[in-house]
Amino acid sequence: MSKIKKKRFEDLTTISDLDIRFVKIMQFSGWLFLLLIVGFLGAWLLLDAVLEIINLELTATSFSFIIFTGTNSAICFALATKIKNNLDNKRQFFLDWLLGEFIFCMLAVFAVAAYQF
């Protein structure tokens, strides 16, 4: 029997407060976009379909608002989950997210402009 105690080597991955705040901010923005789209569609359904107070039409502006908020909600939740699971590449994920958001917003602006033209 060995009298030397074996030390446990634990793989400690410490998460800094900045990382926790960043993930929570991304999750909060995802919830904000999700509540925004649910509120918009809920008001639309209530005022147009149920109460028939206002006759609303699906225009290019409202359609782009629905698409923009829905996809941004999904993208924010995906980024928060991806960063939470892999903290080593958080900078690269964030830069990819910024580039993706920029490209998506530019495509949305051009699509609405082409639809209006």
C-alpha atoms as a PDB file:
ATOM      1  CA  MET A   1       0.000   0.000   0.000  1.00  0.00           C
ATOM      2  CA  SER A   2       1.198   3.369  -0.905  1.00  0.00           C
ATOM      3  CA  LYS A   3       1.290   6.003   1.767  1.00  0.00           C
ATOM      4  CA  ILE A   4       1.234   8.774  -0.809  1.00  0.00           C
ATOM      5  CA  LYS A   5      -2.197  10.149  -1.282  1.00  0.00           C
ATOM      6  CA  LYS A   6      -3.227  10.572  -4.844  1.00  0.00           C
ATOM      7  CA  LYS A   7      -4.247  14.093  -5.579  1.00  0.00           C
ATOM      8  CA  ARG A   8      -7.269  14.661  -7.667  1.00  0.00           C
ATOM      9  CA  PHE A   9      -6.719  16.819 -10.628  1.00  0.00           C
ATOM     10  CA  GLU A  10      -9.965  18.426 -11.476  1.00  0.00           C
ATOM     11  CA  ASP A  11     -10.533  20.227 -14.693  1.00  0.00           C
ATOM     12  CA  LEU A  12     -11.717  23.528 -13.367  1.00  0.00           C
ATOM     13  CA  THR A  13     -13.190  25.861 -15.900  1.00  0.00           C
ATOM     14  CA  THR A  14     -13.855  29.066 -14.125  1.00  0.00           C
ATOM     15  CA  ILE A  15     -16.293  31.440 -15.680  1.00  0.00           C
ATOM     16  CA  SER A  16     -15.589  35.067 -15.080  1.00  0.00           C
ATOM     17  CA  ASP A  17     -18.254  37.561 -14.124  1.00  0.00           C
ATOM     18  CA  LEU A  18     -17.822  39.264 -17.482  1.00  0.00           C
ATOM     19  CA  ASP A  19     -18.616  36.016 -19.307  1.00  0.00           C
ATOM     20  CA  ILE A  20     -21.713  35.472 -17.187  1.00  0.00           C
ATOM     21  CA  ARG A  21     -22.892  39.028 -17.826  1.00  0.00           C
ATOM     22  CA  PHE A  22     -22.292  38.700 -21.542  1.00  0.00           C
ATOM     23  CA  VAL A  23     -24.304  35.472 -21.788  1.00  0.00           C
ATOM     24  CA  LYS A  24     -27.114  36.986 -19.712  1.00  0.00           C
ATOM     25  CA  ILE A  25     -27.170  40.110 -21.911  1.00  0.00           C
ATOM     26  CA  MET A  26     -27.464  37.964 -25.029  1.00  0.00           C
ATOM     27  CA  GLN A  27     -30.248  35.902 -23.463  1.00  0.00           C
ATOM     28  CA  PHE A  28     -32.023  39.082 -22.359  1.00  0.00           C
ATOM     29  CA  SER A  29     -31.837  40.529 -25.860  1.00  0.00           C
ATOM     30  CA  GLY A  30     -33.208  37.253 -27.227  1.00  0.00           C
ATOM     31  CA  TRP A  31     -36.129  37.435 -24.797  1.00  0.00           C
ATOM     32  CA  LEU A  32     -36.643  41.092 -25.658  1.00  0.00           C
ATOM     33  CA  PHE A  33     -36.897  40.347 -29.380  1.00  0.00           C
ATOM     34  CA  LEU A  34     -39.163  37.364 -28.676  1.00  0.00           C
ATOM     35  CA  LEU A  35     -41.523  39.398 -26.481  1.00  0.00           C
ATOM     36  CA  LEU A  36     -41.524  42.172 -29.066  1.00  0.00           C
ATOM     37  CA  ILE A  37     -42.635  39.874 -31.863  1.00  0.00           C
ATOM     38  CA  VAL A  38     -45.206  38.119 -29.665  1.00  0.00           C
ATOM     39  CA  GLY A  39     -46.601  41.487 -28.554  1.00  0.00           C
ATOM     40  CA  PHE A  40     -46.771  42.777 -32.110  1.00  0.00           C
ATOM     41  CA  LEU A  41     -48.442  39.657 -33.477  1.00  0.00           C
ATOM     42  CA  GLY A  42     -50.746  39.437 -30.446  1.00  0.00           C
ATOM     43  CA  ALA A  43     -51.897  43.031 -30.882  1.00  0.00           C
ATOM     44  CA  TRP A  44     -52.337  42.403 -34.590  1.00  0.00           C
ATOM     45  CA  LEU A  45     -54.454  39.320 -33.946  1.00  0.00           C
ATOM     46  CA  LEU A  46     -56.497  40.986 -31.222  1.00  0.00           C
ATOM     47  CA  LEU A  47     -57.216  44.227 -33.066  1.00  0.00           C
ATOM     48  CA  ASP A  48     -57.695  42.794 -36.543  1.00  0.00           C
ATOM     49  CA  ALA A  49     -59.077  39.282 -36.255  1.00  0.00           C
ATOM     50  CA  VAL A  50     -60.898  39.158 -32.936  1.00  0.00           C
ATOM     51  CA  LEU A  51     -62.230  42.667 -32.323  1.00  0.00           C
ATOM     52  CA  GLU A  52     -62.238  43.827 -35.962  1.00  0.00           C
ATOM     53  CA  ILE A  53     -61.516  47.387 -34.821  1.00  0.00           C
ATOM     54  CA  ILE A  54     -58.745  48.022 -37.323  1.00  0.00           C
ATOM     55  CA  ASN A  55     -58.271  46.445 -40.709  1.00  0.00           C
ATOM     56  CA  LEU A  56     -54.557  45.732 -40.854  1.00  0.00           C
ATOM     57  CA  GLU A  57     -52.686  44.663 -43.956  1.00  0.00           C
ATOM     58  CA  LEU A  58     -49.396  42.879 -44.191  1.00  0.00           C
ATOM     59  CA  THR A  59     -47.136  45.467 -45.796  1.00  0.00           C
ATOM     60  CA  ALA A  60     -43.436  45.279 -46.543  1.00  0.00           C
ATOM     61  CA  THR A  61     -42.617  47.214 -43.383  1.00  0.00           C
ATOM     62  CA  SER A  62     -44.600  44.977 -41.044  1.00  0.00           C
ATOM     63  CA  PHE A  63     -43.364  41.835 -42.781  1.00  0.00           C
ATOM     64  CA  SER A  64     -39.727  42.948 -42.468  1.00  0.00           C
ATOM     65  CA  PHE A  65     -40.334  43.820 -38.787  1.00  0.00           C
ATOM     66  CA  ILE A  66     -41.713  40.330 -38.127  1.00  0.00           C
ATOM     67  CA  ILE A  67     -38.871  38.599 -39.944  1.00  0.00           C
ATOM     68  CA  PHE A  68     -36.208  40.826 -38.373  1.00  0.00           C
ATOM     69  CA  THR A  69     -37.368  40.383 -34.768  1.00  0.00           C
ATOM     70  CA  GLY A  70     -37.987  36.655 -35.138  1.00  0.00           C
ATOM     71  CA  THR A  71     -34.596  35.868 -36.598  1.00  0.00           C
ATOM     72  CA  ASN A  72     -32.759  38.177 -34.207  1.00  0.00           C
ATOM     73  CA  SER A  73     -34.398  36.425 -31.273  1.00  0.00           C
ATOM     74  CA  ALA A  74     -33.277  33.046 -32.552  1.00  0.00           C
ATOM     75  CA  ILE A  75     -29.773  34.281 -33.338  1.00  0.00           C
ATOM     76  CA  CYS A  76     -29.339  35.844 -29.863  1.00  0.00           C
ATOM     77  CA  PHE A  77     -30.444  32.640 -28.111  1.00  0.00           C
ATOM     78  CA  ALA A  78     -28.135  30.601 -30.343  1.00  0.00           C
ATOM     79  CA  LEU A  79     -25.163  32.860 -29.617  1.00  0.00           C
ATOM     80  CA  ALA A  80     -25.766  32.728 -25.860  1.00  0.00           C
ATOM     81  CA  THR A  81     -25.965  28.930 -25.940  1.00  0.00           C
ATOM     82  CA  LYS A  82     -22.909  28.589 -28.163  1.00  0.00           C
ATOM     83  CA  ILE A  83     -20.817  30.860 -25.934  1.00  0.00           C
ATOM     84  CA  LYS A  84     -22.007  29.149 -22.753  1.00  0.00           C
ATOM     85  CA  ASN A  85     -20.939  25.753 -24.130  1.00  0.00           C
ATOM     86  CA  ASN A  86     -17.572  26.912 -25.496  1.00  0.00           C
ATOM     87  CA  LEU A  87     -16.020  29.834 -23.658  1.00  0.00           C
ATOM     88  CA  ASP A  88     -12.678  29.514 -25.406  1.00  0.00           C
ATOM     89  CA  ASN A  89     -13.966  30.777 -28.749  1.00  0.00           C
ATOM     90  CA  LYS A  90     -16.338  33.462 -27.480  1.00  0.00           C
ATOM     91  CA  ARG A  91     -14.526  36.270 -29.274  1.00  0.00           C
ATOM     92  CA  GLN A  92     -14.727  34.477 -32.624  1.00  0.00           C
ATOM     93  CA  PHE A  93     -18.409  33.613 -32.073  1.00  0.00           C
ATOM     94  CA  PHE A  94     -19.195  37.226 -31.229  1.00  0.00           C
ATOM     95  CA  LEU A  95     -17.368  38.573 -34.291  1.00  0.00           C
ATOM     96  CA  ASP A  96     -19.145  36.042 -36.509  1.00  0.00           C
ATOM     97  CA  TRP A  97     -22.445  37.094 -34.943  1.00  0.00           C
ATOM     98  CA  LEU A  98     -21.743  40.775 -35.646  1.00  0.00           C
ATOM     99  CA  LEU A  99     -20.832  40.036 -39.244  1.00  0.00           C
ATOM    100  CA  GLY A 100     -23.910  37.841 -39.671  1.00  0.00           C
ATOM    101  CA  GLU A 101     -26.199  40.513 -38.204  1.00  0.00           C
ATOM    102  CA  PHE A 102     -24.718  43.137 -40.503  1.00  0.00           C
ATOM    103  CA  ILE A 103     -25.173  40.975 -43.590  1.00  0.00           C
ATOM    104  CA  PHE A 104     -28.689  39.972 -42.541  1.00  0.00           C
ATOM    105  CA  CYS A 105     -29.724  43.583 -41.913  1.00  0.00           C
ATOM    106  CA  MET A 106     -28.290  44.734 -45.227  1.00  0.00           C
ATOM    107  CA  LEU A 107     -30.121  41.959 -47.082  1.00  0.00           C
ATOM    108  CA  ALA A 108     -33.354  42.832 -45.273  1.00  0.00           C
ATOM    109  CA  VAL A 109     -33.004  46.510 -46.196  1.00  0.00           C
ATOM    110  CA  PHE A 110     -32.300  45.697 -49.836  1.00  0.00           C
ATOM    111  CA  ALA A 111     -35.154  43.175 -50.001  1.00  0.00           C
ATOM    112  CA  VAL A 112     -37.654  45.695 -48.644  1.00  0.00           C
ATOM    113  CA  ALA A 113     -36.306  48.380 -50.971  1.00  0.00           C
ATOM    114  CA  ALA A 114     -36.633  46.071 -53.955  1.00  0.00           C
ATOM    115  CA  TYR A 115     -40.156  45.126 -52.884  1.00  0.00           C
ATOM    116  CA  GLN A 116     -41.142  48.789 -52.560  1.00  0.00           C
ATOM    117  CA  PHE A 117     -39.619  49.675 -55.918  1.00  0.00           C
END
